[in-house]
Amino acid sequence: MNPQAQRGSRRDFRDRQDRPSDGFEEQIVNINRVSKKTKGGNKVGFAALAVVGDRKGKVGVGLGKAPDVSSAIRKGVLLAKKHLVTVPIKNGTIPFRIEVKVGAARLILKPAPPGSGVIAGGAVRSVVSAAGIQNISSKILGTTNKLSNVYATLEALRELEGRYLMKKEEENKK
């Protein structure tokens, strides 16, 4: 065997990238260049906001920070896979309307009839479509910050899951 192939050559790296993943689709929502003033000059880094979902009801969000973009993206994806949320989906949409406020972001998610599609802004659209919701209507109020809006969407879906489970328990008791 080639000694370079043992260490991990470019070809080996390329082959690893072509392998099938674990069923999750990765989407980068935002890459932010951050710089810090230090005694020796400016220290530049990057923050990458990644959304991961299987389009079957599981979605996660992660913010990775690193000195270079590729490491930040990798960290963001790993964090997103660690913090997955299960979303209740009924007939391709959410079961009921939900309103949430996280920081400066206010978000309203409403179920939509079949065929209406995803009516949502960029940040919300990426999270909702990664979860596998096909019909939904949403409105972002307050901030236009992508990071805040993505976290508000995730919080709304988390709250939706909790309320949905409580509602199911009440129906089972009757």
C-alpha atoms as a PDB file:
ATOM      1  CA  MET A   1       0.000   0.000   0.000  1.00  0.00           C
ATOM      2  CA  ASN A   2       1.146   3.517  -0.752  1.00  0.00           C
ATOM      3  CA  PRO A   3       2.625   5.151   2.400  1.00  0.00           C
ATOM      4  CA  GLN A   4       0.918   8.434   1.563  1.00  0.00           C
ATOM      5  CA  ALA A   5      -2.497   6.713   1.403  1.00  0.00           C
ATOM      6  CA  GLN A   6      -1.944   5.370   4.941  1.00  0.00           C
ATOM      7  CA  ARG A   7      -1.456   8.878   6.342  1.00  0.00           C
ATOM      8  CA  GLY A   8      -4.560  10.206   4.660  1.00  0.00           C
ATOM      9  CA  SER A   9      -3.966  11.696   1.245  1.00  0.00           C
ATOM     10  CA  ARG A  10      -6.208  14.086  -0.644  1.00  0.00           C
ATOM     11  CA  ARG A  11      -7.731  11.138  -2.505  1.00  0.00           C
ATOM     12  CA  ASP A  12      -8.645   9.472   0.807  1.00  0.00           C
ATOM     13  CA  PHE A  13     -10.221  12.758   1.979  1.00  0.00           C
ATOM     14  CA  ARG A  14     -12.214  13.029  -1.250  1.00  0.00           C
ATOM     15  CA  ASP A  15     -13.473   9.458  -0.879  1.00  0.00           C
ATOM     16  CA  ARG A  16     -14.619  10.187   2.662  1.00  0.00           C
ATOM     17  CA  GLN A  17     -16.646  13.138   1.399  1.00  0.00           C
ATOM     18  CA  ASP A  18     -18.404  10.993  -1.222  1.00  0.00           C
ATOM     19  CA  ARG A  19     -19.633   8.460   1.331  1.00  0.00           C
ATOM     20  CA  PRO A  20     -23.353   8.476   2.135  1.00  0.00           C
ATOM     21  CA  SER A  21     -24.149  10.500   5.245  1.00  0.00           C
ATOM     22  CA  ASP A  22     -26.328   9.552   8.203  1.00  0.00           C
ATOM     23  CA  GLY A  23     -29.504  10.821   6.503  1.00  0.00           C
ATOM     24  CA  PHE A  24     -29.177  14.428   7.600  1.00  0.00           C
ATOM     25  CA  GLU A  25     -29.082  17.320   5.169  1.00  0.00           C
ATOM     26  CA  GLU A  26     -26.766  20.165   6.137  1.00  0.00           C
ATOM     27  CA  GLN A  27     -27.466  23.777   5.273  1.00  0.00           C
ATOM     28  CA  ILE A  28     -25.296  26.786   6.143  1.00  0.00           C
ATOM     29  CA  VAL A  29     -27.517  29.757   6.978  1.00  0.00           C
ATOM     30  CA  ASN A  30     -24.906  32.371   7.847  1.00  0.00           C
ATOM     31  CA  ILE A  31     -21.132  32.798   7.948  1.00  0.00           C
ATOM     32  CA  ASN A  32     -19.907  35.733   9.988  1.00  0.00           C
ATOM     33  CA  ARG A  33     -16.359  37.116  10.001  1.00  0.00           C
ATOM     34  CA  VAL A  34     -15.381  38.232  13.494  1.00  0.00           C
ATOM     35  CA  SER A  35     -12.267  40.148  14.477  1.00  0.00           C
ATOM     36  CA  LYS A  36     -10.812  40.876  17.885  1.00  0.00           C
ATOM     37  CA  LYS A  37      -8.293  43.613  18.629  1.00  0.00           C
ATOM     38  CA  THR A  38      -5.282  42.251  20.520  1.00  0.00           C
ATOM     39  CA  LYS A  39      -1.893  43.608  21.528  1.00  0.00           C
ATOM     40  CA  GLY A  40      -0.229  41.953  18.534  1.00  0.00           C
ATOM     41  CA  GLY A  41      -2.850  43.116  16.016  1.00  0.00           C
ATOM     42  CA  ASN A  42      -6.217  41.799  14.899  1.00  0.00           C
ATOM     43  CA  LYS A  43      -7.265  38.214  15.519  1.00  0.00           C
ATOM     44  CA  VAL A  44      -9.689  37.105  12.791  1.00  0.00           C
ATOM     45  CA  GLY A  45     -12.131  34.232  13.176  1.00  0.00           C
ATOM     46  CA  PHE A  46     -15.357  32.932  11.679  1.00  0.00           C
ATOM     47  CA  ALA A  47     -18.750  31.896  13.049  1.00  0.00           C
ATOM     48  CA  ALA A  48     -20.918  29.551  10.964  1.00  0.00           C
ATOM     49  CA  LEU A  49     -24.607  28.938  11.643  1.00  0.00           C
ATOM     50  CA  ALA A  50     -25.624  25.466  10.420  1.00  0.00           C
ATOM     51  CA  VAL A  51     -29.042  23.809  10.204  1.00  0.00           C
ATOM     52  CA  VAL A  52     -29.271  20.016  10.037  1.00  0.00           C
ATOM     53  CA  GLY A  53     -32.443  18.034   9.346  1.00  0.00           C
ATOM     54  CA  ASP A  54     -33.637  14.675   8.043  1.00  0.00           C
ATOM     55  CA  ARG A  55     -36.877  16.023   6.460  1.00  0.00           C
ATOM     56  CA  LYS A  56     -38.794  13.485   8.597  1.00  0.00           C
ATOM     57  CA  GLY A  57     -39.383  15.580  11.706  1.00  0.00           C
ATOM     58  CA  LYS A  58     -35.906  16.014  13.194  1.00  0.00           C
ATOM     59  CA  VAL A  59     -34.021  19.311  13.011  1.00  0.00           C
ATOM     60  CA  GLY A  60     -31.081  20.901  14.835  1.00  0.00           C
ATOM     61  CA  VAL A  61     -29.166  24.186  14.824  1.00  0.00           C
ATOM     62  CA  GLY A  62     -25.511  24.761  15.703  1.00  0.00           C
ATOM     63  CA  LEU A  63     -23.171  27.745  15.804  1.00  0.00           C
ATOM     64  CA  GLY A  64     -19.541  26.801  15.187  1.00  0.00           C
ATOM     65  CA  LYS A  65     -16.671  29.225  15.784  1.00  0.00           C
ATOM     66  CA  ALA A  66     -13.123  28.714  14.509  1.00  0.00           C
ATOM     67  CA  PRO A  67     -10.148  30.549  12.958  1.00  0.00           C
ATOM     68  CA  ASP A  68     -11.080  29.248   9.481  1.00  0.00           C
ATOM     69  CA  VAL A  69     -14.412  28.816   7.683  1.00  0.00           C
ATOM     70  CA  SER A  70     -14.263  25.043   7.067  1.00  0.00           C
ATOM     71  CA  SER A  71     -13.599  24.258  10.749  1.00  0.00           C
ATOM     72  CA  ALA A  72     -16.390  26.614  11.822  1.00  0.00           C
ATOM     73  CA  ILE A  73     -18.829  24.869   9.457  1.00  0.00           C
ATOM     74  CA  ARG A  74     -17.753  21.421  10.698  1.00  0.00           C
ATOM     75  CA  LYS A  75     -18.213  22.489  14.340  1.00  0.00           C
ATOM     76  CA  GLY A  76     -21.606  24.032  13.569  1.00  0.00           C
ATOM     77  CA  VAL A  77     -22.835  20.841  11.913  1.00  0.00           C
ATOM     78  CA  LEU A  78     -21.591  18.682  14.813  1.00  0.00           C
ATOM     79  CA  LEU A  79     -23.336  20.930  17.350  1.00  0.00           C
ATOM     80  CA  ALA A  80     -26.533  20.870  15.296  1.00  0.00           C
ATOM     81  CA  LYS A  81     -26.515  17.053  15.235  1.00  0.00           C
ATOM     82  CA  LYS A  82     -26.062  16.979  19.033  1.00  0.00           C
ATOM     83  CA  HIS A  83     -29.053  19.254  19.680  1.00  0.00           C
ATOM     84  CA  LEU A  84     -31.846  17.741  17.589  1.00  0.00           C
ATOM     85  CA  VAL A  85     -35.518  18.555  18.119  1.00  0.00           C
ATOM     86  CA  THR A  86     -38.390  16.299  17.074  1.00  0.00           C
ATOM     87  CA  VAL A  87     -41.153  18.211  15.304  1.00  0.00           C
ATOM     88  CA  PRO A  88     -44.754  16.927  15.225  1.00  0.00           C
ATOM     89  CA  ILE A  89     -45.927  16.961  11.589  1.00  0.00           C
ATOM     90  CA  LYS A  90     -49.590  16.350  10.715  1.00  0.00           C
ATOM     91  CA  ASN A  91     -50.493  16.123   7.006  1.00  0.00           C
ATOM     92  CA  GLY A  92     -47.304  17.945   5.995  1.00  0.00           C
ATOM     93  CA  THR A  93     -47.854  20.879   8.377  1.00  0.00           C
ATOM     94  CA  ILE A  94     -47.709  21.693  12.093  1.00  0.00           C
ATOM     95  CA  PRO A  95     -50.700  20.722  14.272  1.00  0.00           C
ATOM     96  CA  PHE A  96     -51.575  24.241  15.513  1.00  0.00           C
ATOM     97  CA  ARG A  97     -50.561  27.919  15.585  1.00  0.00           C
ATOM     98  CA  ILE A  98     -47.709  28.986  17.850  1.00  0.00           C
ATOM     99  CA  GLU A  99     -46.260  32.353  18.782  1.00  0.00           C
ATOM    100  CA  VAL A 100     -42.855  32.712  20.436  1.00  0.00           C
ATOM    101  CA  LYS A 101     -40.536  35.514  21.567  1.00  0.00           C
ATOM    102  CA  VAL A 102     -36.795  34.872  21.966  1.00  0.00           C
ATOM    103  CA  GLY A 103     -34.705  37.959  22.654  1.00  0.00           C
ATOM    104  CA  ALA A 104     -35.631  40.604  20.087  1.00  0.00           C
ATOM    105  CA  ALA A 105     -37.204  38.079  17.687  1.00  0.00           C
ATOM    106  CA  ARG A 106     -40.954  37.457  17.672  1.00  0.00           C
ATOM    107  CA  LEU A 107     -42.144  34.610  15.487  1.00  0.00           C
ATOM    108  CA  ILE A 108     -45.554  33.298  14.464  1.00  0.00           C
ATOM    109  CA  LEU A 109     -45.904  29.844  12.880  1.00  0.00           C
ATOM    110  CA  LYS A 110     -49.296  28.823  11.469  1.00  0.00           C
ATOM    111  CA  PRO A 111     -50.434  25.582   9.836  1.00  0.00           C
ATOM    112  CA  ALA A 112     -51.276  25.927   6.144  1.00  0.00           C
ATOM    113  CA  PRO A 113     -53.558  23.900   3.866  1.00  0.00           C
ATOM    114  CA  PRO A 114     -51.989  21.320   1.520  1.00  0.00           C
ATOM    115  CA  GLY A 115     -50.463  22.832  -1.610  1.00  0.00           C
ATOM    116  CA  SER A 116     -49.696  26.236  -0.127  1.00  0.00           C
ATOM    117  CA  GLY A 117     -45.978  25.490   0.387  1.00  0.00           C
ATOM    118  CA  VAL A 118     -43.510  27.076   2.802  1.00  0.00           C
ATOM    119  CA  ILE A 119     -44.353  30.751   3.242  1.00  0.00           C
ATOM    120  CA  ALA A 120     -41.440  31.925   5.380  1.00  0.00           C
ATOM    121  CA  GLY A 121     -38.415  34.202   5.399  1.00  0.00           C
ATOM    122  CA  GLY A 122     -34.920  32.880   4.637  1.00  0.00           C
ATOM    123  CA  ALA A 123     -33.802  31.968   8.159  1.00  0.00           C
ATOM    124  CA  VAL A 124     -37.121  30.398   9.163  1.00  0.00           C
ATOM    125  CA  ARG A 125     -37.480  28.666   5.784  1.00  0.00           C
ATOM    126  CA  SER A 126     -34.183  26.799   6.186  1.00  0.00           C
ATOM    127  CA  VAL A 127     -35.146  25.382   9.605  1.00  0.00           C
ATOM    128  CA  VAL A 128     -38.720  24.498   8.637  1.00  0.00           C
ATOM    129  CA  SER A 129     -37.796  22.821   5.351  1.00  0.00           C
ATOM    130  CA  ALA A 130     -34.951  20.863   7.023  1.00  0.00           C
ATOM    131  CA  ALA A 131     -37.554  19.531   9.477  1.00  0.00           C
ATOM    132  CA  GLY A 132     -39.681  18.283   6.584  1.00  0.00           C
ATOM    133  CA  ILE A 133     -42.664  20.600   6.924  1.00  0.00           C
ATOM    134  CA  GLN A 134     -44.169  21.157   3.458  1.00  0.00           C
ATOM    135  CA  ASN A 135     -47.003  23.607   4.198  1.00  0.00           C
ATOM    136  CA  ILE A 136     -46.585  26.390   6.725  1.00  0.00           C
ATOM    137  CA  SER A 137     -47.116  30.109   7.026  1.00  0.00           C
ATOM    138  CA  SER A 138     -44.832  32.229   9.199  1.00  0.00           C
ATOM    139  CA  LYS A 139     -44.124  35.822  10.116  1.00  0.00           C
ATOM    140  CA  ILE A 140     -41.006  37.272  11.743  1.00  0.00           C
ATOM    141  CA  LEU A 141     -41.544  40.381  13.839  1.00  0.00           C
ATOM    142  CA  GLY A 142     -38.857  42.418  15.549  1.00  0.00           C
ATOM    143  CA  THR A 143     -35.303  41.685  14.476  1.00  0.00           C
ATOM    144  CA  THR A 144     -33.906  40.800  11.046  1.00  0.00           C
ATOM    145  CA  ASN A 145     -30.894  39.035  12.599  1.00  0.00           C
ATOM    146  CA  LYS A 146     -30.643  35.534  11.062  1.00  0.00           C
ATOM    147  CA  LEU A 147     -29.145  34.008  14.199  1.00  0.00           C
ATOM    148  CA  SER A 148     -31.960  35.283  16.435  1.00  0.00           C
ATOM    149  CA  ASN A 149     -34.629  34.203  13.936  1.00  0.00           C
ATOM    150  CA  VAL A 150     -33.208  30.680  13.586  1.00  0.00           C
ATOM    151  CA  TYR A 151     -33.051  30.240  17.366  1.00  0.00           C
ATOM    152  CA  ALA A 152     -36.610  31.596  17.701  1.00  0.00           C
ATOM    153  CA  THR A 153     -37.811  29.089  15.084  1.00  0.00           C
ATOM    154  CA  LEU A 154     -36.108  26.220  16.887  1.00  0.00           C
ATOM    155  CA  GLU A 155     -37.617  27.339  20.205  1.00  0.00           C
ATOM    156  CA  ALA A 156     -41.083  27.518  18.594  1.00  0.00           C
ATOM    157  CA  LEU A 157     -40.713  23.979  17.239  1.00  0.00           C
ATOM    158  CA  ARG A 158     -39.475  22.764  20.640  1.00  0.00           C
ATOM    159  CA  GLU A 159     -42.479  24.370  22.352  1.00  0.00           C
ATOM    160  CA  LEU A 160     -44.781  22.932  19.681  1.00  0.00           C
ATOM    161  CA  GLU A 161     -43.462  19.447  20.467  1.00  0.00           C
ATOM    162  CA  GLY A 162     -44.091  19.902  24.205  1.00  0.00           C
ATOM    163  CA  ARG A 163     -47.630  21.211  23.765  1.00  0.00           C
ATOM    164  CA  TYR A 164     -48.430  18.497  21.232  1.00  0.00           C
ATOM    165  CA  LEU A 165     -47.323  15.752  23.642  1.00  0.00           C
ATOM    166  CA  MET A 166     -49.368  17.324  26.476  1.00  0.00           C
ATOM    167  CA  LYS A 167     -52.423  17.480  24.225  1.00  0.00           C
ATOM    168  CA  LYS A 168     -51.998  13.812  23.254  1.00  0.00           C
ATOM    169  CA  GLU A 169     -51.742  12.791  26.931  1.00  0.00           C
ATOM    170  CA  GLU A 170     -55.006  14.609  27.730  1.00  0.00           C
ATOM    171  CA  GLU A 171     -56.762  12.841  24.844  1.00  0.00           C
ATOM    172  CA  ASN A 172     -55.486   9.457  26.069  1.00  0.00           C
ATOM    173  CA  LYS A 173     -56.834  10.113  29.610  1.00  0.00           C
ATOM    174  CA  LYS A 174     -60.365  10.740  28.309  1.00  0.00           C
END
